[in-house]
């Protein structure tokens, strides 16, 4: 039932994953700008990125998941889209957190 309700974005072919990253990345960036949290998100991403990279590389290497609708471009042994994903997800989380909780009170 649910798959019938979702749009088929597979029309983007090998760029499908990249398109989703750009769309959600734009949302994350808009939230971070609106909440003035760009610097806080950047710090979080820099700290989290190495762990996310190792986790991602390992799960791809052992076959936990595959990404069929991707460009095929790899950087440091993982798809370029996964590098973007590791930036977009924490940025979106921080943006939503800041939106919901407001600015930090120092």
PDB file of N, CA and C in Angstrom:
ATOM      1  N   UNK A   1       0.822  -1.207   0.000  1.00  0.00           N
ATOM      2  CA  UNK A   1       0.000   0.000   0.000  1.00  0.00           C
ATOM      3  C   UNK A   1       0.862   1.265   0.000  1.00  0.00           C
ATOM      4  N   UNK A   2       1.784   1.368   0.927  1.00  0.00           N
ATOM      5  CA  UNK A   2       2.614   2.569   1.021  1.00  0.00           C
ATOM      6  C   UNK A   2       3.441   2.807  -0.238  1.00  0.00           C
ATOM      7  N   UNK A   3       4.087   1.770  -0.823  1.00  0.00           N
ATOM      8  CA  UNK A   3       4.855   2.037  -2.051  1.00  0.00           C
ATOM      9  C   UNK A   3       4.016   2.654  -3.168  1.00  0.00           C
ATOM     10  N   UNK A   4       2.732   2.365  -3.216  1.00  0.00           N
ATOM     11  CA  UNK A   4       1.867   2.953  -4.236  1.00  0.00           C
ATOM     12  C   UNK A   4       1.680   4.457  -4.030  1.00  0.00           C
ATOM     13  N   UNK A   5       1.853   4.926  -2.809  1.00  0.00           N
ATOM     14  CA  UNK A   5       1.661   6.340  -2.493  1.00  0.00           C
ATOM     15  C   UNK A   5       2.916   7.175  -2.746  1.00  0.00           C
ATOM     16  N   UNK A   6       4.065   6.536  -2.811  1.00  0.00           N
ATOM     17  CA  UNK A   6       5.322   7.255  -2.964  1.00  0.00           C
ATOM     18  C   UNK A   6       5.627   7.517  -4.437  1.00  0.00           C
ATOM     19  N   UNK A   7       6.164   8.696  -4.747  1.00  0.00           N
ATOM     20  CA  UNK A   7       6.520   8.968  -6.144  1.00  0.00           C
ATOM     21  C   UNK A   7       7.714   8.107  -6.562  1.00  0.00           C
ATOM     22  N   UNK A   8       7.767   7.742  -7.825  1.00  0.00           N
ATOM     23  CA  UNK A   8       8.882   6.969  -8.346  1.00  0.00           C
ATOM     24  C   UNK A   8       9.988   7.925  -8.761  1.00  0.00           C
ATOM     25  N   UNK A   9      10.965   8.102  -7.871  1.00  0.00           N
ATOM     26  CA  UNK A   9      12.064   8.997  -8.203  1.00  0.00           C
ATOM     27  C   UNK A   9      13.168   8.253  -8.943  1.00  0.00           C
ATOM     28  N   UNK A  10      12.954   6.981  -9.216  1.00  0.00           N
ATOM     29  CA  UNK A  10      13.920   6.205  -9.977  1.00  0.00           C
ATOM     30  C   UNK A  10      14.108   6.725 -11.389  1.00  0.00           C
ATOM     31  N   UNK A  11      13.268   7.671 -11.793  1.00  0.00           N
ATOM     32  CA  UNK A  11      13.394   8.252 -13.128  1.00  0.00           C
ATOM     33  C   UNK A  11      14.718   8.987 -13.297  1.00  0.00           C
ATOM     34  N   UNK A  12      15.377   9.309 -12.187  1.00  0.00           N
ATOM     35  CA  UNK A  12      16.672   9.971 -12.253  1.00  0.00           C
ATOM     36  C   UNK A  12      17.803   8.979 -12.506  1.00  0.00           C
ATOM     37  N   UNK A  13      17.466   7.709 -12.607  1.00  0.00           N
ATOM     38  CA  UNK A  13      18.444   6.669 -12.919  1.00  0.00           C
ATOM     39  C   UNK A  13      19.611   6.678 -11.960  1.00  0.00           C
ATOM     40  N   UNK A  14      20.841   6.697 -12.485  1.00  0.00           N
ATOM     41  CA  UNK A  14      22.011   6.635 -11.613  1.00  0.00           C
ATOM     42  C   UNK A  14      22.210   7.887 -10.754  1.00  0.00           C
ATOM     43  N   UNK A  15      21.406   8.906 -10.990  1.00  0.00           N
ATOM     44  CA  UNK A  15      21.514  10.136 -10.190  1.00  0.00           C
ATOM     45  C   UNK A  15      20.453  10.210  -9.094  1.00  0.00           C
ATOM     46  N   UNK A  16      19.668   9.156  -8.937  1.00  0.00           N
ATOM     47  CA  UNK A  16      18.564   9.161  -7.979  1.00  0.00           C
ATOM     48  C   UNK A  16      19.030   9.456  -6.563  1.00  0.00           C
ATOM     49  N   UNK A  17      20.023   8.728  -6.093  1.00  0.00           N
ATOM     50  CA  UNK A  17      20.510   8.930  -4.725  1.00  0.00           C
ATOM     51  C   UNK A  17      21.080  10.340  -4.575  1.00  0.00           C
ATOM     52  N   UNK A  18      21.819  10.793  -5.569  1.00  0.00           N
ATOM     53  CA  UNK A  18      22.398  12.129  -5.536  1.00  0.00           C
ATOM     54  C   UNK A  18      21.312  13.201  -5.466  1.00  0.00           C
ATOM     55  N   UNK A  19      20.239  13.024  -6.222  1.00  0.00           N
ATOM     56  CA  UNK A  19      19.124  13.977  -6.207  1.00  0.00           C
ATOM     57  C   UNK A  19      18.500  14.048  -4.812  1.00  0.00           C
ATOM     58  N   UNK A  20      18.299  12.894  -4.183  1.00  0.00           N
ATOM     59  CA  UNK A  20      17.706  12.908  -2.840  1.00  0.00           C
ATOM     60  C   UNK A  20      18.621  13.614  -1.851  1.00  0.00           C
ATOM     61  N   UNK A  21      19.926  13.423  -2.005  1.00  0.00           N
ATOM     62  CA  UNK A  21      20.868  14.093  -1.108  1.00  0.00           C
ATOM     63  C   UNK A  21      20.839  15.603  -1.299  1.00  0.00           C
ATOM     64  N   UNK A  22      20.720  16.049  -2.532  1.00  0.00           N
ATOM     65  CA  UNK A  22      20.655  17.489  -2.811  1.00  0.00           C
ATOM     66  C   UNK A  22      19.375  18.086  -2.218  1.00  0.00           C
ATOM     67  N   UNK A  23      18.253  17.403  -2.386  1.00  0.00           N
ATOM     68  CA  UNK A  23      16.979  17.907  -1.862  1.00  0.00           C
ATOM     69  C   UNK A  23      17.010  17.991  -0.340  1.00  0.00           C
ATOM     70  N   UNK A  24      17.400  16.900   0.325  1.00  0.00           N
ATOM     71  CA  UNK A  24      17.427  16.920   1.785  1.00  0.00           C
ATOM     72  C   UNK A  24      18.568  17.790   2.307  1.00  0.00           C
ATOM     73  N   UNK A  25      19.648  17.894   1.550  1.00  0.00           N
ATOM     74  CA  UNK A  25      20.739  18.789   1.923  1.00  0.00           C
ATOM     75  C   UNK A  25      20.306  20.246   1.879  1.00  0.00           C
ATOM     76  N   UNK A  26      19.501  20.595   0.882  1.00  0.00           N
ATOM     77  CA  UNK A  26      18.981  21.968   0.783  1.00  0.00           C
ATOM     78  C   UNK A  26      18.070  22.270   1.976  1.00  0.00           C
ATOM     79  N   UNK A  27      17.254  21.302   2.354  1.00  0.00           N
ATOM     80  CA  UNK A  27      16.391  21.471   3.530  1.00  0.00           C
ATOM     81  C   UNK A  27      17.240  21.664   4.784  1.00  0.00           C
ATOM     82  N   UNK A  28      18.266  20.835   4.942  1.00  0.00           N
ATOM     83  CA  UNK A  28      19.150  20.946   6.107  1.00  0.00           C
ATOM     84  C   UNK A  28      19.822  22.314   6.139  1.00  0.00           C
ATOM     85  N   UNK A  29      20.341  22.755   4.995  1.00  0.00           N
ATOM     86  CA  UNK A  29      21.011  24.057   4.933  1.00  0.00           C
ATOM     87  C   UNK A  29      20.043  25.188   5.276  1.00  0.00           C
ATOM     88  N   UNK A  30      18.836  25.117   4.762  1.00  0.00           N
ATOM     89  CA  UNK A  30      17.838  26.154   5.065  1.00  0.00           C
ATOM     90  C   UNK A  30      17.540  26.196   6.564  1.00  0.00           C
ATOM     91  N   UNK A  31      17.400  25.043   7.185  1.00  0.00           N
ATOM     92  CA  UNK A  31      17.143  24.992   8.633  1.00  0.00           C
ATOM     93  C   UNK A  31      18.320  25.566   9.423  1.00  0.00           C
ATOM     94  N   UNK A  32      19.537  25.199   9.009  1.00  0.00           N
ATOM     95  CA  UNK A  32      20.722  25.686   9.724  1.00  0.00           C
ATOM     96  C   UNK A  32      20.887  27.193   9.584  1.00  0.00           C
ATOM     97  N   UNK A  33      20.582  27.724   8.423  1.00  0.00           N
ATOM     98  CA  UNK A  33      20.661  29.176   8.227  1.00  0.00           C
ATOM     99  C   UNK A  33      19.566  29.869   9.032  1.00  0.00           C
ATOM    100  N   UNK A  34      18.353  29.329   8.971  1.00  0.00           N
ATOM    101  CA  UNK A  34      17.221  29.937   9.688  1.00  0.00           C
ATOM    102  C   UNK A  34      17.434  29.936  11.197  1.00  0.00           C
ATOM    103  N   UNK A  35      18.112  28.939  11.712  1.00  0.00           N
ATOM    104  CA  UNK A  35      18.316  28.828  13.158  1.00  0.00           C
ATOM    105  C   UNK A  35      19.699  29.311  13.587  1.00  0.00           C
ATOM    106  N   UNK A  36      20.465  29.846  12.640  1.00  0.00           N
ATOM    107  CA  UNK A  36      21.820  30.340  12.910  1.00  0.00           C
ATOM    108  C   UNK A  36      22.677  29.254  13.572  1.00  0.00           C
ATOM    109  N   UNK A  37      22.586  28.047  13.042  1.00  0.00           N
ATOM    110  CA  UNK A  37      23.289  26.912  13.639  1.00  0.00           C
ATOM    111  C   UNK A  37      24.325  26.294  12.697  1.00  0.00           C
ATOM    112  N   UNK A  38      24.708  27.021  11.676  1.00  0.00           N
ATOM    113  CA  UNK A  38      25.646  26.482  10.696  1.00  0.00           C
ATOM    114  C   UNK A  38      26.974  26.085  11.340  1.00  0.00           C
ATOM    115  N   UNK A  39      27.512  26.924  12.191  1.00  0.00           N
ATOM    116  CA  UNK A  39      28.803  26.612  12.850  1.00  0.00           C
ATOM    117  C   UNK A  39      28.676  25.415  13.785  1.00  0.00           C
ATOM    118  N   UNK A  40      27.615  25.343  14.554  1.00  0.00           N
ATOM    119  CA  UNK A  40      27.430  24.212  15.470  1.00  0.00           C
ATOM    120  C   UNK A  40      27.276  22.918  14.690  1.00  0.00           C
ATOM    121  N   UNK A  41      26.549  22.965  13.594  1.00  0.00           N
ATOM    122  CA  UNK A  41      26.380  21.775  12.760  1.00  0.00           C
ATOM    123  C   UNK A  41      27.720  21.366  12.151  1.00  0.00           C
ATOM    124  N   UNK A  42      28.492  22.322  11.701  1.00  0.00           N
ATOM    125  CA  UNK A  42      29.794  22.011  11.098  1.00  0.00           C
ATOM    126  C   UNK A  42      30.704  21.313  12.103  1.00  0.00           C
ATOM    127  N   UNK A  43      30.719  21.785  13.330  1.00  0.00           N
ATOM    128  CA  UNK A  43      31.534  21.131  14.369  1.00  0.00           C
ATOM    129  C   UNK A  43      31.064  19.701  14.592  1.00  0.00           C
ATOM    130  N   UNK A  44      29.765  19.516  14.676  1.00  0.00           N
ATOM    131  CA  UNK A  44      29.216  18.175  14.882  1.00  0.00           C
ATOM    132  C   UNK A  44      29.596  17.256  13.728  1.00  0.00           C
ATOM    133  N   UNK A  45      29.473  17.743  12.517  1.00  0.00           N
ATOM    134  CA  UNK A  45      29.779  16.936  11.332  1.00  0.00           C
ATOM    135  C   UNK A  45      31.260  16.565  11.304  1.00  0.00           C
ATOM    136  N   UNK A  46      32.130  17.503  11.599  1.00  0.00           N
ATOM    137  CA  UNK A  46      33.576  17.231  11.581  1.00  0.00           C
ATOM    138  C   UNK A  46      33.927  16.140  12.600  1.00  0.00           C
ATOM    139  N   UNK A  47      33.333  16.184  13.759  1.00  0.00           N
ATOM    140  CA  UNK A  47      33.612  15.186  14.791  1.00  0.00           C
ATOM    141  C   UNK A  47      32.996  13.834  14.434  1.00  0.00           C
ATOM    142  N   UNK A  48      31.801  13.849  13.895  1.00  0.00           N
ATOM    143  CA  UNK A  48      31.075  12.615  13.591  1.00  0.00           C
ATOM    144  C   UNK A  48      31.556  11.921  12.317  1.00  0.00           C
ATOM    145  N   UNK A  49      32.059  12.690  11.365  1.00  0.00           N
ATOM    146  CA  UNK A  49      32.379  12.161  10.040  1.00  0.00           C
ATOM    147  C   UNK A  49      33.311  10.945  10.042  1.00  0.00           C
ATOM    148  N   UNK A  50      34.423  10.957  10.763  1.00  0.00           N
ATOM    149  CA  UNK A  50      35.307   9.778  10.724  1.00  0.00           C
ATOM    150  C   UNK A  50      34.619   8.491  11.182  1.00  0.00           C
ATOM    151  N   UNK A  51      33.840   8.572  12.234  1.00  0.00           N
ATOM    152  CA  UNK A  51      33.105   7.395  12.705  1.00  0.00           C
ATOM    153  C   UNK A  51      32.078   6.955  11.669  1.00  0.00           C
ATOM    154  N   UNK A  52      31.357   7.905  11.103  1.00  0.00           N
ATOM    155  CA  UNK A  52      30.357   7.582  10.090  1.00  0.00           C
ATOM    156  C   UNK A  52      31.017   6.957   8.864  1.00  0.00           C
ATOM    157  N   UNK A  53      32.182   7.463   8.486  1.00  0.00           N
ATOM    158  CA  UNK A  53      32.894   6.911   7.332  1.00  0.00           C
ATOM    159  C   UNK A  53      33.261   5.443   7.566  1.00  0.00           C
ATOM    160  N   UNK A  54      33.866   5.154   8.711  1.00  0.00           N
ATOM    161  CA  UNK A  54      34.273   3.776   9.011  1.00  0.00           C
ATOM    162  C   UNK A  54      33.052   2.861   9.048  1.00  0.00           C
ATOM    163  N   UNK A  55      31.999   3.305   9.693  1.00  0.00           N
ATOM    164  CA  UNK A  55      30.766   2.524   9.771  1.00  0.00           C
ATOM    165  C   UNK A  55      30.218   2.269   8.370  1.00  0.00           C
ATOM    166  N   UNK A  56      30.154   3.284   7.552  1.00  0.00           N
ATOM    167  CA  UNK A  56      29.624   3.164   6.202  1.00  0.00           C
ATOM    168  C   UNK A  56      30.485   2.241   5.343  1.00  0.00           C
ATOM    169  N   UNK A  57      31.798   2.464   5.378  1.00  0.00           N
ATOM    170  CA  UNK A  57      32.707   1.620   4.601  1.00  0.00           C
ATOM    171  C   UNK A  57      32.549   0.159   4.996  1.00  0.00           C
ATOM    172  N   UNK A  58      32.527  -0.111   6.284  1.00  0.00           N
ATOM    173  CA  UNK A  58      32.420  -1.486   6.768  1.00  0.00           C
ATOM    174  C   UNK A  58      31.115  -2.145   6.319  1.00  0.00           C
ATOM    175  N   UNK A  59      29.998  -1.447   6.499  1.00  0.00           N
ATOM    176  CA  UNK A  59      28.714  -2.056   6.136  1.00  0.00           C
ATOM    177  C   UNK A  59      28.614  -2.299   4.634  1.00  0.00           C
ATOM    178  N   UNK A  60      29.178  -1.427   3.835  1.00  0.00           N
ATOM    179  CA  UNK A  60      29.215  -1.672   2.385  1.00  0.00           C
ATOM    180  C   UNK A  60      30.142  -2.840   2.057  1.00  0.00           C
ATOM    181  N   UNK A  61      31.274  -2.886   2.710  1.00  0.00           N
ATOM    182  CA  UNK A  61      32.276  -3.920   2.447  1.00  0.00           C
ATOM    183  C   UNK A  61      31.751  -5.326   2.765  1.00  0.00           C
ATOM    184  N   UNK A  62      31.024  -5.458   3.858  1.00  0.00           N
ATOM    185  CA  UNK A  62      30.531  -6.792   4.239  1.00  0.00           C
ATOM    186  C   UNK A  62      29.189  -7.114   3.592  1.00  0.00           C
ATOM    187  N   UNK A  63      28.636  -6.180   2.822  1.00  0.00           N
ATOM    188  CA  UNK A  63      27.417  -6.462   2.078  1.00  0.00           C
ATOM    189  C   UNK A  63      26.123  -6.257   2.835  1.00  0.00           C
ATOM    190  N   UNK A  64      26.140  -5.409   3.852  1.00  0.00           N
ATOM    191  CA  UNK A  64      24.914  -5.134   4.604  1.00  0.00           C
ATOM    192  C   UNK A  64      23.872  -4.474   3.707  1.00  0.00           C
ATOM    193  N   UNK A  65      24.319  -3.595   2.821  1.00  0.00           N
ATOM    194  CA  UNK A  65      23.386  -2.968   1.894  1.00  0.00           C
ATOM    195  C   UNK A  65      24.084  -2.627   0.587  1.00  0.00           C
ATOM    196  N   UNK A  66      23.284  -2.419  -0.442  1.00  0.00           N
ATOM    197  CA  UNK A  66      23.772  -2.002  -1.746  1.00  0.00           C
ATOM    198  C   UNK A  66      23.015  -0.751  -2.161  1.00  0.00           C
ATOM    199  N   UNK A  67      23.608   0.026  -3.048  1.00  0.00           N
ATOM    200  CA  UNK A  67      22.984   1.253  -3.512  1.00  0.00           C
ATOM    201  C   UNK A  67      22.923   1.183  -5.037  1.00  0.00           C
ATOM    202  N   UNK A  68      21.817   0.689  -5.577  1.00  0.00           N
ATOM    203  CA  UNK A  68      21.757   0.504  -7.030  1.00  0.00           C
ATOM    204  C   UNK A  68      21.596   1.806  -7.843  1.00  0.00           C
ATOM    205  N   UNK A  69      20.875   2.788  -7.337  1.00  0.00           N
ATOM    206  CA  UNK A  69      20.598   4.004  -8.109  1.00  0.00           C
ATOM    207  C   UNK A  69      21.561   5.123  -7.722  1.00  0.00           C
ATOM    208  N   UNK A  70      22.833   4.907  -8.050  1.00  0.00           N
ATOM    209  CA  UNK A  70      23.870   5.883  -7.712  1.00  0.00           C
ATOM    210  C   UNK A  70      24.753   6.135  -8.926  1.00  0.00           C
ATOM    211  N   UNK A  71      25.577   7.152  -8.833  1.00  0.00           N
ATOM    212  CA  UNK A  71      26.397   7.558  -9.974  1.00  0.00           C
ATOM    213  C   UNK A  71      27.519   6.583 -10.297  1.00  0.00           C
ATOM    214  N   UNK A  72      27.967   5.842  -9.313  1.00  0.00           N
ATOM    215  CA  UNK A  72      29.103   4.948  -9.520  1.00  0.00           C
ATOM    216  C   UNK A  72      30.433   5.622  -9.224  1.00  0.00           C
ATOM    217  N   UNK A  73      30.395   6.894  -8.879  1.00  0.00           N
ATOM    218  CA  UNK A  73      31.611   7.622  -8.524  1.00  0.00           C
ATOM    219  C   UNK A  73      31.954   7.303  -7.072  1.00  0.00           C
ATOM    220  N   UNK A  74      33.184   6.871  -6.848  1.00  0.00           N
ATOM    221  CA  UNK A  74      33.614   6.556  -5.491  1.00  0.00           C
ATOM    222  C   UNK A  74      34.762   7.455  -5.076  1.00  0.00           C
ATOM    223  N   UNK A  75      34.810   7.743  -3.800  1.00  0.00           N
ATOM    224  CA  UNK A  75      35.882   8.519  -3.203  1.00  0.00           C
ATOM    225  C   UNK A  75      36.289   7.782  -1.934  1.00  0.00           C
ATOM    226  N   UNK A  76      37.536   7.422  -1.829  1.00  0.00           N
ATOM    227  CA  UNK A  76      38.032   6.689  -0.655  1.00  0.00           C
ATOM    228  C   UNK A  76      37.204   5.425  -0.384  1.00  0.00           C
ATOM    229  N   UNK A  77      36.931   4.676  -1.431  1.00  0.00           N
ATOM    230  CA  UNK A  77      36.304   3.359  -1.380  1.00  0.00           C
ATOM    231  C   UNK A  77      34.821   3.329  -1.034  1.00  0.00           C
ATOM    232  N   UNK A  78      34.165   4.465  -1.019  1.00  0.00           N
ATOM    233  CA  UNK A  78      32.713   4.470  -0.841  1.00  0.00           C
ATOM    234  C   UNK A  78      32.084   5.445  -1.839  1.00  0.00           C
ATOM    235  N   UNK A  79      30.818   5.222  -2.186  1.00  0.00           N
ATOM    236  CA  UNK A  79      30.147   6.104  -3.153  1.00  0.00           C
ATOM    237  C   UNK A  79      30.143   7.557  -2.685  1.00  0.00           C
ATOM    238  N   UNK A  80      30.297   8.455  -3.628  1.00  0.00           N
ATOM    239  CA  UNK A  80      30.292   9.887  -3.317  1.00  0.00           C
ATOM    240  C   UNK A  80      28.994  10.287  -2.612  1.00  0.00           C
ATOM    241  N   UNK A  81      27.901   9.628  -2.993  1.00  0.00           N
ATOM    242  CA  UNK A  81      26.613   9.929  -2.358  1.00  0.00           C
ATOM    243  C   UNK A  81      26.630   9.631  -0.863  1.00  0.00           C
ATOM    244  N   UNK A  82      27.406   8.619  -0.461  1.00  0.00           N
ATOM    245  CA  UNK A  82      27.484   8.295   0.962  1.00  0.00           C
ATOM    246  C   UNK A  82      28.244   9.366   1.731  1.00  0.00           C
ATOM    247  N   UNK A  83      29.249   9.953   1.116  1.00  0.00           N
ATOM    248  CA  UNK A  83      29.955  11.068   1.765  1.00  0.00           C
ATOM    249  C   UNK A  83      28.981  12.224   1.999  1.00  0.00           C
ATOM    250  N   UNK A  84      28.176  12.504   0.989  1.00  0.00           N
ATOM    251  CA  UNK A  84      27.186  13.577   1.119  1.00  0.00           C
ATOM    252  C   UNK A  84      26.170  13.224   2.205  1.00  0.00           C
ATOM    253  N   UNK A  85      25.731  11.967   2.216  1.00  0.00           N
ATOM    254  CA  UNK A  85      24.782  11.490   3.228  1.00  0.00           C
ATOM    255  C   UNK A  85      25.328  11.727   4.633  1.00  0.00           C
ATOM    256  N   UNK A  86      26.631  11.476   4.820  1.00  0.00           N
ATOM    257  CA  UNK A  86      27.239  11.629   6.146  1.00  0.00           C
ATOM    258  C   UNK A  86      27.351  13.090   6.569  1.00  0.00           C
ATOM    259  N   UNK A  87      27.147  13.991   5.641  1.00  0.00           N
ATOM    260  CA  UNK A  87      27.094  15.422   5.968  1.00  0.00           C
ATOM    261  C   UNK A  87      25.643  15.866   6.151  1.00  0.00           C
ATOM    262  N   UNK A  88      24.775  15.404   5.259  1.00  0.00           N
ATOM    263  CA  UNK A  88      23.376  15.840   5.260  1.00  0.00           C
ATOM    264  C   UNK A  88      22.621  15.366   6.505  1.00  0.00           C
ATOM    265  N   UNK A  89      22.798  14.116   6.892  1.00  0.00           N
ATOM    266  CA  UNK A  89      22.014  13.595   8.023  1.00  0.00           C
ATOM    267  C   UNK A  89      22.296  14.349   9.319  1.00  0.00           C
ATOM    268  N   UNK A  90      23.554  14.481   9.750  1.00  0.00           N
ATOM    269  CA  UNK A  90      23.745  15.255  10.981  1.00  0.00           C
ATOM    270  C   UNK A  90      23.349  16.722  10.829  1.00  0.00           C
ATOM    271  N   UNK A  91      23.528  17.290   9.642  1.00  0.00           N
ATOM    272  CA  UNK A  91      23.116  18.686   9.435  1.00  0.00           C
ATOM    273  C   UNK A  91      21.606  18.820   9.602  1.00  0.00           C
ATOM    274  N   UNK A  92      20.867  17.873   9.072  1.00  0.00           N
ATOM    275  CA  UNK A  92      19.412  17.900   9.203  1.00  0.00           C
ATOM    276  C   UNK A  92      18.990  17.697  10.659  1.00  0.00           C
ATOM    277  N   UNK A  93      19.656  16.792  11.342  1.00  0.00           N
ATOM    278  CA  UNK A  93      19.335  16.545  12.758  1.00  0.00           C
ATOM    279  C   UNK A  93      19.610  17.799  13.588  1.00  0.00           C
ATOM    280  N   UNK A  94      20.769  18.403  13.388  1.00  0.00           N
ATOM    281  CA  UNK A  94      21.091  19.621  14.148  1.00  0.00           C
ATOM    282  C   UNK A  94      20.114  20.738  13.791  1.00  0.00           C
ATOM    283  N   UNK A  95      19.787  20.894  12.507  1.00  0.00           N
ATOM    284  CA  UNK A  95      18.839  21.929  12.096  1.00  0.00           C
ATOM    285  C   UNK A  95      17.476  21.752  12.738  1.00  0.00           C
ATOM    286  N   UNK A  96      16.982  20.530  12.753  1.00  0.00           N
ATOM    287  CA  UNK A  96      15.684  20.262  13.396  1.00  0.00           C
ATOM    288  C   UNK A  96      15.778  20.458  14.896  1.00  0.00           C
ATOM    289  N   UNK A  97      16.866  20.002  15.507  1.00  0.00           N
ATOM    290  CA  UNK A  97      17.058  20.182  16.949  1.00  0.00           C
ATOM    291  C   UNK A  97      17.040  21.663  17.312  1.00  0.00           C
ATOM    292  N   UNK A  98      17.746  22.467  16.547  1.00  0.00           N
ATOM    293  CA  UNK A  98      17.787  23.899  16.814  1.00  0.00           C
ATOM    294  C   UNK A  98      16.421  24.549  16.602  1.00  0.00           C
ATOM    295  N   UNK A  99      15.707  24.108  15.586  1.00  0.00           N
ATOM    296  CA  UNK A  99      14.380  24.655  15.313  1.00  0.00           C
ATOM    297  C   UNK A  99      13.423  24.347  16.451  1.00  0.00           C
ATOM    298  N   UNK A 100      13.483  23.120  16.945  1.00  0.00           N
ATOM    299  CA  UNK A 100      12.569  22.691  18.005  1.00  0.00           C
ATOM    300  C   UNK A 100      12.939  23.299  19.363  1.00  0.00           C
ATOM    301  N   UNK A 101      14.230  23.394  19.653  1.00  0.00           N
ATOM    302  CA  UNK A 101      14.673  23.807  20.984  1.00  0.00           C
ATOM    303  C   UNK A 101      15.093  25.266  21.091  1.00  0.00           C
ATOM    304  N   UNK A 102      15.231  25.955  19.990  1.00  0.00           N
ATOM    305  CA  UNK A 102      15.634  27.350  20.031  1.00  0.00           C
ATOM    306  C   UNK A 102      17.134  27.496  20.244  1.00  0.00           C
ATOM    307  N   UNK A 103      17.601  28.730  20.261  1.00  0.00           N
ATOM    308  CA  UNK A 103      19.041  28.973  20.414  1.00  0.00           C
ATOM    309  C   UNK A 103      19.533  28.555  21.796  1.00  0.00           C
ATOM    310  N   UNK A 104      20.832  28.214  21.876  1.00  0.00           N
ATOM    311  CA  UNK A 104      21.371  27.836  23.182  1.00  0.00           C
ATOM    312  C   UNK A 104      21.372  29.020  24.134  1.00  0.00           C
ATOM    313  N   UNK A 105      21.169  28.744  25.383  1.00  0.00           N
ATOM    314  CA  UNK A 105      21.200  29.785  26.394  1.00  0.00           C
ATOM    315  C   UNK A 105      22.520  29.657  27.148  1.00  0.00           C
ATOM    316  N   UNK A 106      23.372  30.635  26.945  1.00  0.00           N
ATOM    317  CA  UNK A 106      24.716  30.579  27.554  1.00  0.00           C
ATOM    318  C   UNK A 106      24.762  31.371  28.827  1.00  0.00           C
TER     319      UNK A 106
END
